[in-house]
Amino acid sequence: MKIDKNKVVSLTYRLTETDANGTLIEEVDAKQPFVFLFGSGNLIPGFETNVNNLKVGDNFAFNVAAADAYGEYDLQGVVNLPISIFHNEGVLDSEVCKVGNIVPMRNDQGQQFNGVIKAINPAEVTMDFNHPLAGKNLHFEGSVVDVREATAEELQHGHFHPQGAHEDSCGCGCE
């Protein structure tokens, strides 16, 4: 069976920056493969394009340009926020407000974004809301472990469910 829309795909991969010899970002092995519903819009476009039509046992190696991965690095994603946002009962929360910390924040529409604290001064905190892999060209290599038809429930929910997940809960927020 080939990978295409509405198939549940399991694969292993090694993700590095730029090319096969680049800095290792992530490695997924056969013990805990990466499993996803193909064509549901949950993957970076360059990844889906390159694994489309592969079948079980196929190996792959491809590059994905930053624009087709997590996008180019956007300087407008770096913002200065009033330090008072990080106060708890009038005192700076020094456990949260540390350079390098990833802090979940919400915009005025309630959308959640993770930001990395880049700098702290007496009046402001500089945060970077770009994805950590924004601006980076990526290299994937791996193999296809399994391809199967998605269940009606997976199609309805738009993502893969581990076998028997909804007998208890898969933790995905769907019921």
Protein backbone atom coordinates (compact mmCIF):
# COMPACT_ATOMS: atom_id res chain seq x y z
CA MET A 1 0.00 0.00 0.00
CA LYS A 2 1.33 3.44 -0.92
CA ILE A 3 1.29 6.55 1.21
CA ASP A 4 -1.46 8.90 0.12
CA LYS A 5 -4.36 10.88 1.56
CA ASN A 6 -6.16 9.32 4.52
CA LYS A 7 -3.54 6.65 5.21
CA VAL A 8 -1.97 6.18 8.62
CA VAL A 9 1.79 6.08 8.15
CA SER A 10 4.52 4.81 10.49
CA LEU A 11 8.13 5.64 9.75
CA THR A 12 11.56 6.09 11.23
CA TYR A 13 13.75 9.05 10.47
CA ARG A 14 16.86 10.98 11.32
CA LEU A 15 16.48 14.76 11.10
CA THR A 16 19.56 16.92 10.70
CA GLU A 17 20.14 20.56 9.87
CA THR A 18 21.06 21.39 6.25
CA ASP A 19 22.29 17.96 5.05
CA ALA A 20 23.09 14.40 6.14
CA ASN A 21 26.23 15.59 7.95
CA GLY A 22 24.49 18.48 9.74
CA THR A 23 23.69 18.84 13.42
CA LEU A 24 21.33 16.12 14.65
CA ILE A 25 17.94 17.56 15.61
CA GLU A 26 15.88 14.43 16.20
CA GLU A 27 15.98 10.68 15.66
CA VAL A 28 12.95 8.36 15.66
CA ASP A 29 13.54 4.60 15.69
CA ALA A 30 11.41 1.54 14.96
CA LYS A 31 10.67 0.96 18.67
CA GLN A 32 8.61 4.16 18.72
CA PRO A 33 8.08 5.18 15.09
CA PHE A 34 6.56 8.48 14.01
CA VAL A 35 2.89 7.75 13.22
CA PHE A 36 0.61 10.25 11.47
CA LEU A 37 -2.48 10.64 9.32
CA PHE A 38 -1.22 11.59 5.86
CA GLY A 39 -2.94 14.50 4.12
CA SER A 40 -4.53 15.98 7.25
CA GLY A 41 -2.40 19.14 7.19
CA ASN A 42 -0.52 18.32 10.39
CA LEU A 43 2.95 18.02 8.81
CA ILE A 44 5.31 20.48 7.21
CA PRO A 45 4.51 20.67 3.48
CA GLY A 46 7.99 19.70 2.31
CA PHE A 47 7.88 16.51 4.35
CA GLU A 48 4.50 15.36 3.03
CA THR A 49 5.50 16.09 -0.57
CA ASN A 50 8.59 13.90 -0.25
CA VAL A 51 7.00 10.84 1.39
CA ASN A 52 3.90 10.83 -0.83
CA ASN A 53 3.55 7.54 -2.77
CA LEU A 54 6.26 5.68 -0.81
CA LYS A 55 5.43 2.18 0.44
CA VAL A 56 6.46 -0.10 3.32
CA GLY A 57 10.17 -0.85 3.17
CA ASP A 58 11.03 2.22 1.06
CA ASN A 59 13.96 4.30 2.27
CA PHE A 60 14.07 8.05 1.81
CA ALA A 61 16.53 10.91 2.03
CA PHE A 62 15.55 14.45 1.14
CA ASN A 63 16.09 18.10 1.99
CA VAL A 64 13.37 20.55 2.89
CA ALA A 65 14.06 24.26 2.47
CA ALA A 66 13.16 26.49 5.42
CA ALA A 67 10.29 28.03 3.43
CA ASP A 68 8.70 24.57 3.04
CA ALA A 69 9.42 23.58 6.64
CA TYR A 70 8.85 26.01 9.52
CA GLY A 71 9.23 29.16 7.44
CA GLU A 72 11.90 31.80 7.28
CA TYR A 73 13.05 33.45 10.48
CA ASP A 74 10.83 36.52 11.00
CA LEU A 75 12.30 39.46 12.88
CA GLN A 76 8.74 40.62 13.63
CA GLY A 77 8.41 37.47 15.74
CA VAL A 78 10.86 39.00 18.23
CA VAL A 79 9.00 41.39 20.51
CA ASN A 80 9.58 43.38 23.67
CA LEU A 81 6.92 42.90 26.34
CA PRO A 82 6.46 44.86 29.56
CA ILE A 83 8.20 43.09 32.41
CA SER A 84 5.03 43.48 34.49
CA ILE A 85 3.53 40.58 32.49
CA PHE A 86 5.95 38.34 34.38
CA HIS A 87 4.99 39.64 37.82
CA ASN A 88 3.07 37.50 40.28
CA GLU A 89 1.47 39.56 43.05
CA GLY A 90 3.71 42.51 42.17
CA VAL A 91 6.96 40.53 42.23
CA LEU A 92 8.93 39.25 39.23
CA ASP A 93 8.47 35.47 38.86
CA SER A 94 12.16 34.64 38.57
CA GLU A 95 11.45 30.93 38.01
CA VAL A 96 9.57 31.74 34.80
CA CYS A 97 11.40 34.87 33.72
CA LYS A 98 14.84 33.48 32.83
CA VAL A 99 16.78 33.89 29.60
CA GLY A 100 16.34 30.72 27.54
CA ASN A 101 13.03 29.67 29.12
CA ILE A 102 10.17 28.74 26.82
CA VAL A 103 7.02 30.46 28.06
CA PRO A 104 3.47 29.78 26.81
CA MET A 105 1.61 33.04 26.19
CA ARG A 106 -1.76 34.04 24.70
CA ASN A 107 -2.58 36.86 22.33
CA ASP A 108 -5.69 39.05 22.65
CA GLN A 109 -7.68 36.46 20.60
CA GLY A 110 -6.79 33.68 23.04
CA GLN A 111 -4.37 31.86 20.71
CA GLN A 112 -1.46 30.23 22.51
CA PHE A 113 2.12 30.80 21.39
CA ASN A 114 5.37 29.60 22.88
CA GLY A 115 8.10 32.21 23.15
CA VAL A 116 11.73 31.96 24.16
CA ILE A 117 13.01 34.64 26.53
CA LYS A 118 16.03 36.20 24.84
CA ALA A 119 16.80 39.16 27.14
CA ILE A 120 15.54 40.79 30.32
CA ASN A 121 15.97 44.40 31.36
CA PRO A 122 14.30 46.43 34.13
CA ALA A 123 11.38 47.51 31.91
CA GLU A 124 11.01 44.82 29.23
CA VAL A 125 11.45 41.17 28.34
CA THR A 126 12.55 40.33 24.77
CA MET A 127 10.80 37.21 23.49
CA ASP A 128 11.22 35.25 20.27
CA PHE A 129 7.98 33.66 19.01
CA ASN A 130 9.55 32.05 15.92
CA HIS A 131 9.47 28.25 15.77
CA PRO A 132 12.86 26.91 16.97
CA LEU A 133 13.48 25.48 13.47
CA ALA A 134 12.39 28.62 11.58
CA GLY A 135 14.97 29.68 9.02
CA LYS A 136 16.65 26.27 8.98
CA ASN A 137 16.95 23.96 6.01
CA LEU A 138 16.25 20.39 7.08
CA HIS A 139 17.43 16.97 5.96
CA PHE A 140 15.39 13.80 6.60
CA GLU A 141 16.44 10.23 6.04
CA GLY A 142 14.64 7.11 7.12
CA SER A 143 12.29 4.35 6.07
CA VAL A 144 8.59 3.54 5.89
CA VAL A 145 7.58 0.97 8.53
CA ASP A 146 3.83 0.67 7.92
CA VAL A 147 0.96 2.12 5.88
CA ARG A 148 -2.69 1.36 6.58
CA GLU A 149 -6.15 2.75 5.91
CA ALA A 150 -7.31 5.28 8.50
CA THR A 151 -10.34 4.39 10.59
CA ALA A 152 -13.55 6.41 10.30
CA GLU A 153 -12.83 7.86 13.76
CA GLU A 154 -9.31 8.96 12.75
CA LEU A 155 -10.69 10.61 9.63
CA GLN A 156 -13.38 12.36 11.64
CA HIS A 157 -10.87 13.65 14.21
CA GLY A 158 -8.19 14.47 11.63
CA HIS A 159 -5.34 12.59 13.30
CA PHE A 160 -3.98 9.13 14.13
CA HIS A 161 -5.23 7.33 17.25
CA PRO A 162 -3.22 4.62 18.98
CA GLN A 163 -5.02 1.27 18.90
CA GLY A 164 -7.79 1.27 21.50
CA ALA A 165 -7.10 4.90 22.40
CA HIS A 166 -10.67 6.00 22.94
CA GLU A 167 -11.56 3.09 25.15
CA ASP A 168 -9.75 5.11 27.83
CA SER A 169 -8.45 8.33 26.30
CA CYS A 170 -5.74 9.10 23.81
CA GLY A 171 -5.12 12.48 25.41
CA CYS A 172 -5.85 14.25 22.14
CA GLY A 173 -8.81 16.19 23.47
CA CYS A 174 -11.36 14.43 21.28
CA GLU A 175 -13.97 12.10 22.70
